[in-house]
């Protein structure tokens, strides 16, 4: 019984330590998700500024220029997967959605774990990068991704790029959606012309091209921040589930430990009572 008690006590200590690790992981993931979500208003304001500037730049262009985006040509797809584990089925959900799309797209993959799991499924990435470990690294990742996208457009003739973006909300959990990134449809800006033409020092076509790159960069910044937050929020949910299981295990092991202690005490009391009874009987016999 002593060995059994020692075994249960050891398991209790191990589960308590695991609970501390899970709690720490949950806290870090929650903090990172919140930090990323806090960046989104500023990123979207930046995108809106670029959008307004685009409308002003287009107001200087000749009628009918630039042309509507072409629909043909090779395609590229940017997919955001998990960087680490302990996030439930986060990466698998993205890869499942990726598997439903027609093949042939040039694949850009974000996330070390996602890249590894994609390779196991026979999905080869033309370009991959790890997700940033902290929010401070998100702008750099967005820049690297943008450089890779424009290099593919230049060198491989990519005509359109889509984003496969995971997003998380408490109401619906994880949802993977597809967004069009490139080419930009300049006709969307037609109704946003300014009251007065802007003062510029560049040819309109050069100006619009530069602003378009800024706008695309803002969209990539937003996507990276959303994906970073989604992975960490998925990890928070996974750690909350793990915490519930740990609490259940602690309750069961605690009850087992108390039962063993009670059984041990009962056995000792019975043994003492038996010894006292035996001693009393011997004393009574000797007294005769």
Protein backbone atom coordinates (compact mmCIF):
# COMPACT_ATOMS: atom_id res chain seq x y z
CA UNK A 1 0.00 0.00 0.00
CA UNK A 2 2.94 2.30 0.72
CA UNK A 3 4.27 1.74 -2.81
CA UNK A 4 0.85 2.46 -4.29
CA UNK A 5 0.59 5.69 -2.29
CA UNK A 6 4.06 6.77 -3.45
CA UNK A 7 3.12 6.04 -7.07
CA UNK A 8 -0.09 8.08 -6.89
CA UNK A 9 1.70 10.95 -5.13
CA UNK A 10 4.36 10.99 -7.86
CA UNK A 11 1.68 11.08 -10.55
CA UNK A 12 -0.03 13.94 -8.74
CA UNK A 13 3.19 15.96 -8.70
CA UNK A 14 3.76 15.26 -12.39
CA UNK A 15 0.24 16.33 -13.36
CA UNK A 16 0.54 19.51 -11.25
CA UNK A 17 3.78 20.41 -13.03
CA UNK A 18 2.10 19.75 -16.37
CA UNK A 19 -0.71 22.05 -15.31
CA UNK A 20 1.79 24.82 -14.61
CA UNK A 21 3.33 24.38 -18.08
CA UNK A 22 -0.10 24.42 -19.73
CA UNK A 23 -1.06 27.54 -17.79
CA UNK A 24 2.12 29.32 -18.87
CA UNK A 25 1.60 28.36 -22.52
CA UNK A 26 -1.99 29.52 -22.39
CA UNK A 27 -0.98 32.85 -20.87
CA UNK A 28 1.75 33.50 -23.46
CA UNK A 29 -0.56 32.57 -26.34
CA UNK A 30 -3.32 34.83 -25.04
CA UNK A 31 -0.90 37.75 -24.68
CA UNK A 32 0.47 37.30 -28.20
CA UNK A 33 -3.00 37.02 -29.70
CA UNK A 34 -4.09 40.21 -27.95
CA UNK A 35 -0.97 42.07 -29.06
CA UNK A 36 -1.59 41.04 -32.65
CA UNK A 37 -5.26 42.03 -32.53
CA UNK A 38 -4.23 45.41 -31.13
CA UNK A 39 -2.15 46.02 -34.27
CA UNK A 40 -5.07 45.55 -36.66
CA UNK A 41 -6.73 48.99 -36.29
CA UNK A 42 -3.47 50.75 -37.17
CA UNK A 43 -2.81 48.38 -40.08
CA UNK A 44 -6.31 48.93 -41.45
CA UNK A 45 -5.93 52.69 -41.11
CA UNK A 46 -2.70 52.43 -43.09
CA UNK A 47 -4.51 50.40 -45.76
CA UNK A 48 -7.29 52.98 -45.92
CA UNK A 49 -4.77 55.79 -46.41
CA UNK A 50 -3.21 53.83 -49.28
CA UNK A 51 -6.68 53.21 -50.69
CA UNK A 52 -7.54 56.91 -50.66
CA UNK A 53 -4.17 57.77 -52.20
CA UNK A 54 -4.83 55.19 -54.91
CA UNK A 55 -8.12 56.87 -55.77
CA UNK A 56 -6.40 60.24 -56.02
CA UNK A 57 -3.63 58.81 -58.17
CA UNK A 58 -6.10 57.14 -60.50
CA UNK A 59 -7.91 60.45 -60.96
CA UNK A 60 -4.81 61.66 -62.82
CA UNK A 61 -4.78 58.71 -65.22
CA UNK A 62 -6.22 58.97 -68.77
CA UNK A 63 -9.75 57.55 -69.16
CA UNK A 64 -9.76 53.77 -69.52
CA UNK A 65 -6.26 53.41 -68.06
CA UNK A 66 -5.24 51.16 -66.35
CA UNK A 67 -6.99 48.22 -67.96
CA UNK A 68 -9.08 45.74 -65.96
CA UNK A 69 -7.04 42.86 -64.56
CA UNK A 70 -6.56 39.83 -66.77
CA UNK A 71 -8.11 36.56 -65.60
CA UNK A 72 -5.72 34.16 -67.31
CA UNK A 73 -2.16 33.20 -66.48
CA UNK A 74 -0.51 31.19 -63.73
CA UNK A 75 -1.81 31.43 -60.19
CA UNK A 76 -0.18 31.67 -56.79
CA UNK A 77 -1.59 30.86 -53.37
CA UNK A 78 -0.41 32.09 -49.98
CA UNK A 79 -1.42 29.78 -47.10
CA UNK A 80 -0.89 30.50 -43.41
CA UNK A 81 -0.37 27.38 -41.29
CA UNK A 82 0.88 26.74 -37.78
CA UNK A 83 4.41 27.49 -36.66
CA UNK A 84 4.28 25.20 -33.63
CA UNK A 85 2.15 22.45 -32.21
CA UNK A 86 -0.28 22.50 -29.26
CA UNK A 87 -2.84 24.43 -31.33
CA UNK A 88 -5.39 21.70 -31.91
CA UNK A 89 -6.22 21.02 -35.55
CA UNK A 90 -5.15 24.50 -36.69
CA UNK A 91 -2.66 23.38 -39.34
CA UNK A 92 -4.77 20.42 -40.45
CA UNK A 93 -7.79 22.66 -41.06
CA UNK A 94 -5.77 24.94 -43.33
CA UNK A 95 -4.26 22.01 -45.24
CA UNK A 96 -7.69 20.40 -45.60
CA UNK A 97 -8.98 23.61 -47.16
CA UNK A 98 -5.90 23.76 -49.36
CA UNK A 99 -6.57 20.22 -50.61
CA UNK A 100 -10.01 21.25 -51.92
CA UNK A 101 -8.55 23.82 -54.33
CA UNK A 102 -7.55 23.00 -57.91
CA UNK A 103 -3.89 22.10 -58.26
CA UNK A 104 -1.29 23.97 -60.25
CA UNK A 105 -0.98 27.08 -58.08
CA UNK A 106 2.46 28.21 -56.96
CA UNK A 107 2.33 27.67 -53.21
CA UNK A 108 3.69 30.12 -50.62
CA UNK A 109 3.54 28.58 -47.15
CA UNK A 110 3.94 30.35 -43.82
CA UNK A 111 4.60 28.23 -40.72
CA UNK A 112 7.29 25.63 -40.02
CA UNK A 113 4.88 22.98 -38.80
CA UNK A 114 2.55 23.63 -41.71
CA UNK A 115 5.36 23.28 -44.23
CA UNK A 116 6.37 19.93 -42.72
CA UNK A 117 2.80 18.59 -42.62
CA UNK A 118 2.16 19.82 -46.17
CA UNK A 119 5.20 17.87 -47.40
CA UNK A 120 3.78 14.75 -45.74
CA UNK A 121 0.64 15.26 -47.85
CA UNK A 122 2.65 15.70 -51.03
CA UNK A 123 2.13 19.48 -51.16
CA UNK A 124 5.40 21.13 -52.15
CA UNK A 125 5.89 24.82 -51.35
CA UNK A 126 7.68 26.97 -53.90
CA UNK A 127 8.52 29.36 -51.07
CA UNK A 128 8.14 29.02 -47.32
CA UNK A 129 9.01 30.94 -44.18
CA UNK A 130 8.46 30.50 -40.45
CA UNK A 131 5.77 32.54 -38.78
CA UNK A 132 7.13 35.34 -36.61
CA UNK A 133 7.63 34.33 -32.98
CA UNK A 134 6.59 37.76 -31.65
CA UNK A 135 4.50 40.63 -32.97
CA UNK A 136 7.65 42.69 -33.53
CA UNK A 137 8.59 40.28 -36.32
CA UNK A 138 5.29 40.55 -38.22
CA UNK A 139 6.22 43.58 -40.38
CA UNK A 140 9.46 41.91 -41.47
CA UNK A 141 7.59 38.73 -42.41
CA UNK A 142 5.08 40.74 -44.44
CA UNK A 143 7.95 42.44 -46.29
CA UNK A 144 9.64 39.10 -47.04
CA UNK A 145 6.36 37.66 -48.27
CA UNK A 146 5.73 40.66 -50.49
CA UNK A 147 9.21 40.40 -51.98
CA UNK A 148 8.65 36.70 -52.73
CA UNK A 149 5.29 37.42 -54.36
CA UNK A 150 6.62 40.17 -56.62
CA UNK A 151 9.65 38.01 -57.51
CA UNK A 152 7.27 35.23 -58.59
CA UNK A 153 5.26 37.70 -60.67
CA UNK A 154 8.44 38.92 -62.33
CA UNK A 155 10.28 35.61 -62.78
CA UNK A 156 7.50 33.03 -63.13
CA UNK A 157 4.76 34.96 -64.83
CA UNK A 158 2.26 34.70 -61.96
CA UNK A 159 -0.85 36.63 -62.94
CA UNK A 160 -2.97 36.30 -59.81
CA UNK A 161 -2.42 35.62 -56.11
CA UNK A 162 -4.94 34.46 -53.50
CA UNK A 163 -4.65 34.32 -49.73
CA UNK A 164 -5.82 31.31 -47.71
CA UNK A 165 -6.28 32.92 -44.32
CA UNK A 166 -7.24 31.28 -41.01
CA UNK A 167 -9.18 33.48 -38.61
CA UNK A 168 -10.50 32.79 -35.13
CA UNK A 169 -13.46 34.11 -33.19
CA UNK A 170 -14.95 32.90 -29.89
CA UNK A 171 -18.35 32.47 -31.55
CA UNK A 172 -17.39 30.26 -34.50
CA UNK A 173 -13.88 29.09 -33.64
CA UNK A 174 -11.47 28.61 -36.53
CA UNK A 175 -12.56 29.49 -40.06
CA UNK A 176 -10.37 29.37 -43.18
CA UNK A 177 -11.30 31.85 -45.88
CA UNK A 178 -9.84 32.69 -49.29
CA UNK A 179 -9.21 36.28 -50.34
CA UNK A 180 -8.03 37.68 -53.65
CA UNK A 181 -4.80 39.67 -53.30
CA UNK A 182 -3.59 40.35 -56.83
CA UNK A 183 -4.20 41.69 -59.38
CA UNK A 184 -5.88 44.77 -57.97
CA UNK A 185 -9.06 45.70 -59.78
CA UNK A 186 -8.60 49.44 -60.22
CA UNK A 187 -12.25 49.79 -61.20
CA UNK A 188 -13.07 49.50 -57.50
CA UNK A 189 -11.53 52.94 -56.97
CA UNK A 190 -13.44 54.67 -59.77
CA UNK A 191 -16.04 56.27 -57.51
CA UNK A 192 -13.54 57.66 -54.98
CA UNK A 193 -12.21 60.61 -56.95
CA UNK A 194 -11.13 63.67 -54.91
CA UNK A 195 -12.79 67.06 -55.19
CA UNK A 196 -9.50 68.63 -56.31
CA UNK A 197 -6.65 66.94 -58.20
CA UNK A 198 -3.65 66.24 -55.95
CA UNK A 199 -0.27 67.90 -56.43
CA UNK A 200 2.25 65.31 -57.59
CA UNK A 201 5.89 65.16 -58.68
CA UNK A 202 5.74 61.77 -60.41
CA UNK A 203 4.09 60.54 -63.60
CA UNK A 204 0.61 59.19 -62.73
CA UNK A 205 1.43 55.63 -63.82
CA UNK A 206 4.57 55.51 -61.64
CA UNK A 207 2.68 57.04 -58.73
CA UNK A 208 -0.19 54.56 -58.97
CA UNK A 209 2.21 51.62 -59.21
CA UNK A 210 4.05 52.74 -56.06
CA UNK A 211 0.84 53.28 -54.11
CA UNK A 212 -0.46 49.90 -55.28
CA UNK A 213 2.60 48.22 -53.77
CA UNK A 214 1.98 50.05 -50.50
CA UNK A 215 -1.64 48.92 -50.50
CA UNK A 216 -0.68 45.29 -51.18
CA UNK A 217 1.89 45.50 -48.39
CA UNK A 218 -0.84 46.74 -46.04
CA UNK A 219 -3.05 43.79 -47.02
CA UNK A 220 -0.18 41.38 -46.34
CA UNK A 221 0.47 43.06 -42.99
CA UNK A 222 -3.18 42.55 -42.08
CA UNK A 223 -3.15 38.91 -43.20
CA UNK A 224 0.02 38.10 -41.24
CA UNK A 225 -1.38 39.71 -38.08
CA UNK A 226 -4.72 37.87 -38.40
CA UNK A 227 -3.00 34.51 -38.96
CA UNK A 228 -0.61 35.08 -36.04
CA UNK A 229 -3.51 35.91 -33.75
CA UNK A 230 -5.56 32.95 -35.02
CA UNK A 231 -2.82 30.41 -34.27
CA UNK A 232 -2.34 31.76 -30.77
CA UNK A 233 -6.08 31.87 -30.11
CA UNK A 234 -6.34 28.26 -31.29
CA UNK A 235 -3.54 27.44 -28.85
CA UNK A 236 -5.42 29.20 -26.03
CA UNK A 237 -8.46 27.03 -26.77
CA UNK A 238 -6.34 23.86 -26.90
CA UNK A 239 -4.66 24.73 -23.60
CA UNK A 240 -8.04 25.46 -22.01
CA UNK A 241 -9.19 21.98 -23.03
CA UNK A 242 -5.95 20.51 -21.68
CA UNK A 243 -6.46 22.42 -18.43
CA UNK A 244 -9.91 20.87 -18.05
CA UNK A 245 -8.45 17.39 -18.53
CA UNK A 246 -5.68 18.14 -16.04
CA UNK A 247 -8.20 19.35 -13.46
CA UNK A 248 -10.17 16.13 -13.94
CA UNK A 249 -7.03 14.03 -13.55
CA UNK A 250 -6.04 15.95 -10.42
CA UNK A 251 -9.47 15.38 -8.92
CA UNK A 252 -9.34 11.65 -9.69
CA UNK A 253 -5.78 11.21 -8.42
CA UNK A 254 -6.52 13.31 -5.34
CA UNK A 255 -9.52 11.14 -4.53
CA UNK A 256 -7.44 8.00 -5.08
CA UNK A 257 -4.68 9.33 -2.83
CA UNK A 258 -7.15 10.15 -0.07
CA UNK A 259 -8.71 6.70 -0.38
CA UNK A 260 -5.30 5.02 -0.14
CA UNK A 261 -4.41 7.09 2.92
CA UNK A 262 -7.75 6.25 4.50
CA UNK A 263 -7.27 2.56 3.74
CA UNK A 264 -3.77 2.73 5.21
CA UNK A 265 -5.03 4.39 8.38
CA UNK A 266 -7.86 1.88 8.66
CA UNK A 267 -5.41 -1.00 8.23
CA UNK A 268 -3.15 0.45 10.93
CA UNK A 269 -6.06 0.92 13.32
CA UNK A 270 -7.18 -2.67 12.72
CA UNK A 271 -3.63 -3.89 13.24
CA UNK A 272 -3.28 -1.92 16.47
CA UNK A 273 -6.64 -3.14 17.70
CA UNK A 274 -5.69 -6.71 16.89
CA UNK A 275 -2.38 -6.33 18.69
CA UNK A 276 -4.08 -4.83 21.74
CA UNK A 277 -6.64 -7.62 21.79
CA UNK A 278 -3.90 -10.25 21.52
CA UNK A 279 -1.94 -8.61 24.32
CA UNK A 280 -5.04 -8.49 26.49
CA UNK A 281 -5.75 -12.16 25.87
CA UNK A 282 -2.15 -13.11 26.76
CA UNK A 283 -2.31 -11.07 29.94
CA UNK A 284 -5.59 -12.69 30.90
CA UNK A 285 -4.17 -16.16 30.24
CA UNK A 286 -1.02 -15.50 32.28
CA UNK A 287 -3.12 -14.15 35.15
CA UNK A 288 -4.74 -17.54 35.49
